[in-house]
C-alpha atoms as a PDB file:
ATOM      1  CA  MET A   1    -100.013  -1.597-109.030  1.00  0.00           C
ATOM      2  CA  LYS A   2    -102.521  -2.124-111.847  1.00  0.00           C
ATOM      3  CA  LYS A   3    -100.114  -4.709-113.247  1.00  0.00           C
ATOM      4  CA  ALA A   4    -100.511  -6.611-110.001  1.00  0.00           C
ATOM      5  CA  ALA A   5    -104.259  -6.724-110.444  1.00  0.00           C
ATOM      6  CA  VAL A   6    -103.918  -8.106-113.961  1.00  0.00           C
ATOM      7  CA  LEU A   7    -101.510 -10.819-112.834  1.00  0.00           C
ATOM      8  CA  LEU A   8    -103.725 -11.745-109.922  1.00  0.00           C
ATOM      9  CA  LEU A   9    -106.610 -12.341-112.300  1.00  0.00           C
ATOM     10  CA  ALA A  10    -104.394 -14.627-114.377  1.00  0.00           C
ATOM     11  CA  LEU A  11    -103.495 -16.861-111.439  1.00  0.00           C
ATOM     12  CA  ILE A  12    -105.517 -19.491-109.637  1.00  0.00           C
ATOM     13  CA  SER A  13    -106.027 -19.137-105.916  1.00  0.00           C
ATOM     14  CA  ILE A  14    -103.723 -21.529-104.085  1.00  0.00           C
ATOM     15  CA  SER A  15    -104.924 -23.423-101.011  1.00  0.00           C
ATOM     16  CA  CYS A  16    -103.557 -26.446 -99.162  1.00  0.00           C
ATOM     17  CA  GLN A  17    -106.317 -28.999 -98.928  1.00  0.00           C
ATOM     18  CA  GLY A  18    -106.373 -32.213 -96.983  1.00  0.00           C
ATOM     19  CA  ARG A  19    -102.687 -32.383 -96.168  1.00  0.00           C
ATOM     20  CA  PRO A  20    -101.452 -35.413 -94.221  1.00  0.00           C
ATOM     21  CA  THR A  21    -101.405 -34.979 -90.443  1.00  0.00           C
ATOM     22  CA  GLY A  22     -99.463 -38.039 -89.352  1.00  0.00           C
ATOM     23  CA  GLN A  23     -95.964 -36.634 -89.714  1.00  0.00           C
ATOM     24  CA  GLU A  24     -95.459 -35.119 -86.285  1.00  0.00           C
ATOM     25  CA  LYS A  25     -92.235 -35.770 -84.422  1.00  0.00           C
ATOM     26  CA  GLU A  26     -92.102 -35.795 -80.673  1.00  0.00           C
ATOM     27  CA  GLY A  27     -89.311 -34.209 -78.669  1.00  0.00           C
ATOM     28  CA  ASP A  28     -88.194 -31.769 -81.356  1.00  0.00           C
ATOM     29  CA  ASP A  29     -86.370 -28.947 -79.601  1.00  0.00           C
ATOM     30  CA  THR A  30     -85.085 -27.197 -82.719  1.00  0.00           C
ATOM     31  CA  LYS A  31     -87.456 -24.214 -82.487  1.00  0.00           C
ATOM     32  CA  LEU A  32     -85.788 -20.827 -82.420  1.00  0.00           C
ATOM     33  CA  ALA A  33     -87.397 -17.542 -81.434  1.00  0.00           C
ATOM     34  CA  ASN A  34     -86.681 -14.535 -83.606  1.00  0.00           C
ATOM     35  CA  LYS A  35     -88.074 -11.059 -83.245  1.00  0.00           C
ATOM     36  CA  GLY A  36     -89.704  -9.655 -86.380  1.00  0.00           C
ATOM     37  CA  ASP A  37     -87.214  -7.069 -87.635  1.00  0.00           C
ATOM     38  CA  SER A  38     -87.220  -5.467 -91.055  1.00  0.00           C
ATOM     39  CA  LYS A  39     -83.425  -5.149 -91.039  1.00  0.00           C
ATOM     40  CA  THR A  40     -80.943  -7.934 -90.380  1.00  0.00           C
ATOM     41  CA  ALA A  41     -77.164  -7.777 -89.976  1.00  0.00           C
ATOM     42  CA  ASN A  42     -76.899  -7.309 -93.728  1.00  0.00           C
ATOM     43  CA  ALA A  43     -78.085  -3.767 -94.451  1.00  0.00           C
ATOM     44  CA  LYS A  44     -79.383  -4.887 -97.828  1.00  0.00           C
ATOM     45  CA  THR A  45     -81.811  -7.457 -96.504  1.00  0.00           C
ATOM     46  CA  GLU A  46     -85.266  -7.103 -95.016  1.00  0.00           C
ATOM     47  CA  THR A  47     -87.758  -9.498 -93.488  1.00  0.00           C
ATOM     48  CA  ALA A  48     -91.307 -10.206 -94.640  1.00  0.00           C
ATOM     49  CA  ILE A  49     -93.670 -12.473 -92.697  1.00  0.00           C
ATOM     50  CA  PHE A  50     -96.837 -13.920 -94.222  1.00  0.00           C
ATOM     51  CA  ALA A  51     -99.479 -16.393 -93.047  1.00  0.00           C
ATOM     52  CA  GLY A  52    -101.674 -17.849 -95.761  1.00  0.00           C
ATOM     53  CA  GLY A  53    -102.617 -21.386 -94.822  1.00  0.00           C
ATOM     54  CA  CYS A  54    -100.369 -24.432 -94.777  1.00  0.00           C
ATOM     55  CA  PHE A  55     -96.735 -23.334 -94.678  1.00  0.00           C
ATOM     56  CA  TRP A  56     -95.692 -26.349 -96.769  1.00  0.00           C
ATOM     57  CA  CYS A  57     -97.312 -24.573 -99.699  1.00  0.00           C
ATOM     58  CA  THR A  58     -96.506 -20.935 -99.003  1.00  0.00           C
ATOM     59  CA  GLU A  59     -92.814 -21.658 -98.478  1.00  0.00           C
ATOM     60  CA  ALA A  60     -92.504 -23.267-101.910  1.00  0.00           C
ATOM     61  CA  PHE A  61     -93.888 -20.229-103.711  1.00  0.00           C
ATOM     62  CA  PHE A  62     -91.163 -17.831-102.559  1.00  0.00           C
ATOM     63  CA  THR A  63     -88.010 -19.948-102.475  1.00  0.00           C
ATOM     64  CA  ASP A  64     -87.041 -19.557-106.145  1.00  0.00           C
ATOM     65  CA  LEU A  65     -87.677 -15.815-106.457  1.00  0.00           C
ATOM     66  CA  LYS A  66     -84.807 -13.518-107.363  1.00  0.00           C
ATOM     67  CA  GLY A  67     -83.777 -11.480-104.348  1.00  0.00           C
ATOM     68  CA  VAL A  68     -85.107 -13.997-101.824  1.00  0.00           C
ATOM     69  CA  GLU A  69     -82.229 -15.259 -99.710  1.00  0.00           C
ATOM     70  CA  LYS A  70     -84.057 -17.506 -97.271  1.00  0.00           C
ATOM     71  CA  VAL A  71     -87.545 -18.765 -96.431  1.00  0.00           C
ATOM     72  CA  VAL A  72     -88.282 -20.279 -93.021  1.00  0.00           C
ATOM     73  CA  SER A  73     -91.511 -21.923 -91.859  1.00  0.00           C
ATOM     74  CA  GLY A  74     -92.719 -21.188 -88.355  1.00  0.00           C
ATOM     75  CA  TYR A  75     -95.370 -19.878 -85.996  1.00  0.00           C
ATOM     76  CA  ILE A  76     -96.350 -16.326 -85.055  1.00  0.00           C
ATOM     77  CA  GLY A  77     -99.175 -14.234 -83.675  1.00  0.00           C
ATOM     78  CA  GLY A  78    -100.083 -16.176 -80.540  1.00  0.00           C
ATOM     79  CA  ALA A  79     -99.458 -15.907 -76.819  1.00  0.00           C
ATOM     80  CA  VAL A  80     -97.909 -19.336 -76.192  1.00  0.00           C
ATOM     81  CA  PRO A  81     -94.076 -19.296 -76.132  1.00  0.00           C
ATOM     82  CA  ASN A  82     -92.074 -21.934 -78.002  1.00  0.00           C
ATOM     83  CA  PRO A  83     -95.076 -23.742 -79.506  1.00  0.00           C
ATOM     84  CA  SER A  84     -94.767 -27.125 -81.204  1.00  0.00           C
ATOM     85  CA  TYR A  85     -96.564 -28.130 -84.392  1.00  0.00           C
ATOM     86  CA  ARG A  86     -98.953 -30.215 -82.310  1.00  0.00           C
ATOM     87  CA  ASP A  87     -99.671 -27.218 -80.063  1.00  0.00           C
ATOM     88  CA  VAL A  88    -100.421 -24.938 -83.010  1.00  0.00           C
ATOM     89  CA  SER A  89    -102.548 -27.591 -84.720  1.00  0.00           C
ATOM     90  CA  THR A  90    -105.051 -27.470 -81.854  1.00  0.00           C
ATOM     91  CA  GLY A  91    -105.922 -23.898 -82.801  1.00  0.00           C
ATOM     92  CA  ALA A  92    -105.717 -22.908 -79.148  1.00  0.00           C
ATOM     93  CA  THR A  93    -102.327 -21.135 -79.146  1.00  0.00           C
ATOM     94  CA  GLY A  94    -103.358 -18.131 -81.219  1.00  0.00           C
ATOM     95  CA  HIS A  95    -100.403 -18.748 -83.534  1.00  0.00           C
ATOM     96  CA  ALA A  96    -100.658 -18.974 -87.303  1.00  0.00           C
ATOM     97  CA  GLU A  97     -98.559 -21.146 -89.582  1.00  0.00           C
ATOM     98  CA  ALA A  98     -96.370 -18.605 -91.365  1.00  0.00           C
ATOM     99  CA  ILE A  99     -93.212 -18.069 -93.371  1.00  0.00           C
ATOM    100  CA  LYS A 100     -90.403 -15.615 -92.719  1.00  0.00           C
ATOM    101  CA  ILE A 101     -88.749 -14.358 -95.897  1.00  0.00           C
ATOM    102  CA  THR A 102     -85.311 -12.746 -95.912  1.00  0.00           C
ATOM    103  CA  PHE A 103     -84.996 -10.708 -99.108  1.00  0.00           C
ATOM    104  CA  ASN A 104     -82.878  -8.055-100.799  1.00  0.00           C
ATOM    105  CA  PRO A 105     -85.116  -5.046-101.558  1.00  0.00           C
ATOM    106  CA  ASP A 106     -82.732  -3.975-104.318  1.00  0.00           C
ATOM    107  CA  GLU A 107     -83.627  -7.158-106.193  1.00  0.00           C
ATOM    108  CA  VAL A 108     -87.256  -7.775-105.236  1.00  0.00           C
ATOM    109  CA  ALA A 109     -89.690  -5.210-103.885  1.00  0.00           C
ATOM    110  CA  TYR A 110     -91.920  -5.873-100.903  1.00  0.00           C
ATOM    111  CA  GLU A 111     -94.864  -5.105-103.178  1.00  0.00           C
ATOM    112  CA  ASP A 112     -93.787  -8.006-105.424  1.00  0.00           C
ATOM    113  CA  LEU A 113     -93.884 -10.324-102.425  1.00  0.00           C
ATOM    114  CA  LEU A 114     -97.341  -9.030-101.553  1.00  0.00           C
ATOM    115  CA  GLU A 115     -98.493  -9.703-105.096  1.00  0.00           C
ATOM    116  CA  ILE A 116     -97.400 -13.327-104.921  1.00  0.00           C
ATOM    117  CA  PHE A 117     -98.780 -13.738-101.411  1.00  0.00           C
ATOM    118  CA  PHE A 118    -102.241 -12.690-102.562  1.00  0.00           C
ATOM    119  CA  SER A 119    -101.935 -14.762-105.730  1.00  0.00           C
ATOM    120  CA  THR A 120    -101.219 -17.982-103.881  1.00  0.00           C
ATOM    121  CA  HIS A 121    -104.054 -18.226-101.369  1.00  0.00           C
ATOM    122  CA  ASP A 122    -107.670 -17.141-100.973  1.00  0.00           C
ATOM    123  CA  PRO A 123    -107.721 -14.020 -98.757  1.00  0.00           C
ATOM    124  CA  THR A 124    -111.521 -14.096 -98.548  1.00  0.00           C
ATOM    125  CA  GLN A 125    -111.632 -17.301 -96.486  1.00  0.00           C
ATOM    126  CA  LEU A 126    -111.806 -16.588 -92.765  1.00  0.00           C
ATOM    127  CA  ASN A 127    -109.633 -18.834 -90.601  1.00  0.00           C
ATOM    128  CA  ARG A 128    -109.211 -21.499 -93.260  1.00  0.00           C
ATOM    129  CA  GLN A 129    -107.661 -22.408 -96.590  1.00  0.00           C
ATOM    130  CA  GLY A 130    -109.550 -25.107 -98.433  1.00  0.00           C
ATOM    131  CA  ALA A 131    -109.883 -28.156 -96.208  1.00  0.00           C
ATOM    132  CA  ASP A 132    -107.471 -26.738 -93.603  1.00  0.00           C
ATOM    133  CA  VAL A 133    -109.701 -25.124 -90.995  1.00  0.00           C
ATOM    134  CA  GLY A 134    -108.737 -23.150 -87.897  1.00  0.00           C
ATOM    135  CA  THR A 135    -107.240 -19.833 -86.837  1.00  0.00           C
ATOM    136  CA  GLN A 136    -103.779 -21.313 -87.455  1.00  0.00           C
ATOM    137  CA  TYR A 137    -104.581 -21.188 -91.183  1.00  0.00           C
ATOM    138  CA  ARG A 138    -105.738 -17.569 -91.224  1.00  0.00           C
ATOM    139  CA  SER A 139    -104.635 -14.994 -93.765  1.00  0.00           C
ATOM    140  CA  GLU A 140    -102.388 -12.423 -92.093  1.00  0.00           C
ATOM    141  CA  ILE A 141     -99.542 -10.067 -92.927  1.00  0.00           C
ATOM    142  CA  PHE A 142     -97.080  -9.394 -90.103  1.00  0.00           C
ATOM    143  CA  TYR A 143     -95.327  -6.161 -90.996  1.00  0.00           C
ATOM    144  CA  THR A 144     -91.815  -5.397 -89.773  1.00  0.00           C
ATOM    145  CA  SER A 145     -91.794  -1.674 -90.580  1.00  0.00           C
ATOM    146  CA  ASP A 146     -94.216   1.186 -91.059  1.00  0.00           C
ATOM    147  CA  ALA A 147     -93.406   1.122 -94.766  1.00  0.00           C
ATOM    148  CA  GLN A 148     -94.526  -2.504 -94.986  1.00  0.00           C
ATOM    149  CA  LYS A 149     -97.719  -1.700 -93.106  1.00  0.00           C
ATOM    150  CA  GLY A 150     -98.544   1.081 -95.556  1.00  0.00           C
ATOM    151  CA  ALA A 151     -97.726  -1.102 -98.564  1.00  0.00           C
ATOM    152  CA  ALA A 152     -99.984  -3.899 -97.305  1.00  0.00           C
ATOM    153  CA  GLU A 153    -102.872  -1.515 -96.640  1.00  0.00           C
ATOM    154  CA  ASN A 154    -102.496   0.043-100.092  1.00  0.00           C
ATOM    155  CA  PHE A 155    -102.338  -3.360-101.773  1.00  0.00           C
ATOM    156  CA  ILE A 156    -105.538  -4.554-100.128  1.00  0.00           C
ATOM    157  CA  LYS A 157    -107.226  -1.303-101.124  1.00  0.00           C
ATOM    158  CA  LEU A 158    -106.130  -1.885-104.729  1.00  0.00           C
ATOM    159  CA  LEU A 159    -107.535  -5.405-104.746  1.00  0.00           C
ATOM    160  CA  THR A 160    -110.779  -4.177-103.213  1.00  0.00           C
ATOM    161  CA  ASP A 161    -111.146  -1.236-105.606  1.00  0.00           C
ATOM    162  CA  GLN A 162    -110.404  -3.476-108.597  1.00  0.00           C
ATOM    163  CA  LYS A 163    -112.963  -6.033-107.344  1.00  0.00           C
ATOM    164  CA  ILE A 164    -110.458  -8.851-107.864  1.00  0.00           C
ATOM    165  CA  TYR A 165    -112.388 -11.115-105.499  1.00  0.00           C
ATOM    166  CA  GLY A 166    -116.118 -11.616-105.274  1.00  0.00           C
ATOM    167  CA  LYS A 167    -116.097 -11.380-101.497  1.00  0.00           C
ATOM    168  CA  PRO A 168    -114.455  -9.068 -98.925  1.00  0.00           C
ATOM    169  CA  ILE A 169    -110.773  -9.617 -98.159  1.00  0.00           C
ATOM    170  CA  VAL A 170    -110.347 -10.772 -94.553  1.00  0.00           C
ATOM    171  CA  THR A 171    -106.529 -10.647 -94.383  1.00  0.00           C
ATOM    172  CA  ASN A 172    -105.298  -9.189 -91.088  1.00  0.00           C
ATOM    173  CA  ILE A 173    -102.417  -6.696 -90.967  1.00  0.00           C
ATOM    174  CA  SER A 174    -100.499  -6.901 -87.680  1.00  0.00           C
ATOM    175  CA  ALA A 175     -97.166  -5.830 -86.253  1.00  0.00           C
ATOM    176  CA  ALA A 176     -94.719  -8.734 -86.214  1.00  0.00           C
ATOM    177  CA  SER A 177     -94.207 -10.358 -82.841  1.00  0.00           C
ATOM    178  CA  THR A 178     -91.855 -13.209 -81.939  1.00  0.00           C
ATOM    179  CA  PHE A 179     -91.465 -15.691 -84.805  1.00  0.00           C
ATOM    180  CA  TYR A 180     -90.833 -19.276 -83.702  1.00  0.00           C
ATOM    181  CA  THR A 181     -89.070 -21.477 -86.232  1.00  0.00           C
ATOM    182  CA  ALA A 182     -90.953 -24.708 -86.909  1.00  0.00           C
ATOM    183  CA  GLU A 183     -89.478 -28.187 -86.478  1.00  0.00           C
ATOM    184  CA  ASP A 184     -86.793 -29.272 -88.949  1.00  0.00           C
ATOM    185  CA  TYR A 185     -89.035 -31.617 -90.912  1.00  0.00           C
ATOM    186  CA  HIS A 186     -91.248 -28.662 -91.927  1.00  0.00           C
ATOM    187  CA  GLN A 187     -88.367 -26.741 -93.496  1.00  0.00           C
ATOM    188  CA  ASP A 188     -87.974 -26.945 -97.299  1.00  0.00           C
ATOM    189  CA  TYR A 189     -90.874 -29.374 -97.168  1.00  0.00           C
ATOM    190  CA  TYR A 190     -91.771 -29.352-100.836  1.00  0.00           C
ATOM    191  CA  ALA A 191     -88.140 -29.580-101.960  1.00  0.00           C
ATOM    192  CA  GLN A 192     -87.637 -32.611 -99.719  1.00  0.00           C
ATOM    193  CA  ASN A 193     -90.968 -34.313-100.454  1.00  0.00           C
ATOM    194  CA  ARG A 194     -92.013 -33.261-103.949  1.00  0.00           C
ATOM    195  CA  PHE A 195     -92.775 -36.841-105.019  1.00  0.00           C
ATOM    196  CA  GLU A 196     -95.152 -37.544-102.154  1.00  0.00           C
ATOM    197  CA  PRO A 197     -98.775 -37.901-103.372  1.00  0.00           C
ATOM    198  CA  TYR A 198     -99.912 -34.753-101.529  1.00  0.00           C
ATOM    199  CA  CYS A 199     -97.159 -32.586-103.005  1.00  0.00           C
ATOM    200  CA  MET A 200     -97.635 -33.969-106.512  1.00  0.00           C
ATOM    201  CA  ALA A 201    -101.404 -33.573-106.439  1.00  0.00           C
ATOM    202  CA  VAL A 202    -101.779 -30.265-104.588  1.00  0.00           C
ATOM    203  CA  ILE A 203     -98.609 -28.190-104.721  1.00  0.00           C
ATOM    204  CA  THR A 204     -96.821 -29.076-107.978  1.00  0.00           C
ATOM    205  CA  PRO A 205     -99.578 -28.112-110.478  1.00  0.00           C
ATOM    206  CA  LYS A 206    -100.196 -24.781-108.780  1.00  0.00           C
ATOM    207  CA  LEU A 207     -96.496 -24.050-108.382  1.00  0.00           C
ATOM    208  CA  ASP A 208     -95.966 -24.752-112.099  1.00  0.00           C
ATOM    209  CA  LYS A 209     -98.653 -22.244-113.016  1.00  0.00           C
ATOM    210  CA  LEU A 210     -97.238 -19.661-110.650  1.00  0.00           C
ATOM    211  CA  LYS A 211     -93.760 -20.085-112.133  1.00  0.00           C
ATOM    212  CA  LYS A 212     -95.171 -19.688-115.637  1.00  0.00           C
ATOM    213  CA  ASN A 213     -96.786 -16.368-114.725  1.00  0.00           C
ATOM    214  CA  TYR A 214     -93.718 -15.083-112.875  1.00  0.00           C
ATOM    215  CA  LYS A 215     -91.035 -16.562-115.141  1.00  0.00           C
ATOM    216  CA  SER A 216     -88.976 -13.367-115.330  1.00  0.00           C
ATOM    217  CA  LYS A 217     -88.767 -13.148-111.529  1.00  0.00           C
ATOM    218  CA  LEU A 218     -87.241 -16.578-110.958  1.00  0.00           C
ATOM    219  CA  LYS A 219     -83.612 -17.151-110.031  1.00  0.00           C
ATOM    220  CA  SER A 220     -83.219 -19.638-112.862  1.00  0.00           C
ATOM    221  CA  GLU A 221     -84.097 -17.039-115.482  1.00  0.00           C
END
């Protein structure tokens, strides 16, 4: 765990600032509801769910990791069923933009995912990441097992004890509720739009630094 603290110090905090808002699509009925469940049909896969600001960014940071089979952007934590992007953007649904990661724990530990999660956003910002403001951009871990809950609590304690951040960590730890898959155009957003000005200016430089620090954990290595 001390290794995690060292790596966290070596990384910049990632936040999605000033992303475009004019890309909404009306009448998108592709949302799917999925219960948070640490085990899927494949006994060797588990599910991790993180909210750390704009899901365009957070999705990109986990896709190329060894042991990660799938990353899906969506909404979780609110009381409104089947929310749309426009609904969530109002901040009134209680949902957060989040990603659901399907991973093989034999290849990548949940603690490794936690390490990257905390390395790629600022967990001291309450209900915002950079210029993205609102409860939908909050920092939150949605655990899918008691083991994940304990790991998240221990990780935050480590970061606090090591004084990694200059301010208190405000990341919530909550039991996973229904996860609603976001509209199709949000999925694999960076991979599909990497040459857009926003992606090139905000995501690419930070993703490159992240990949440099975690080179041995990438699928391409």
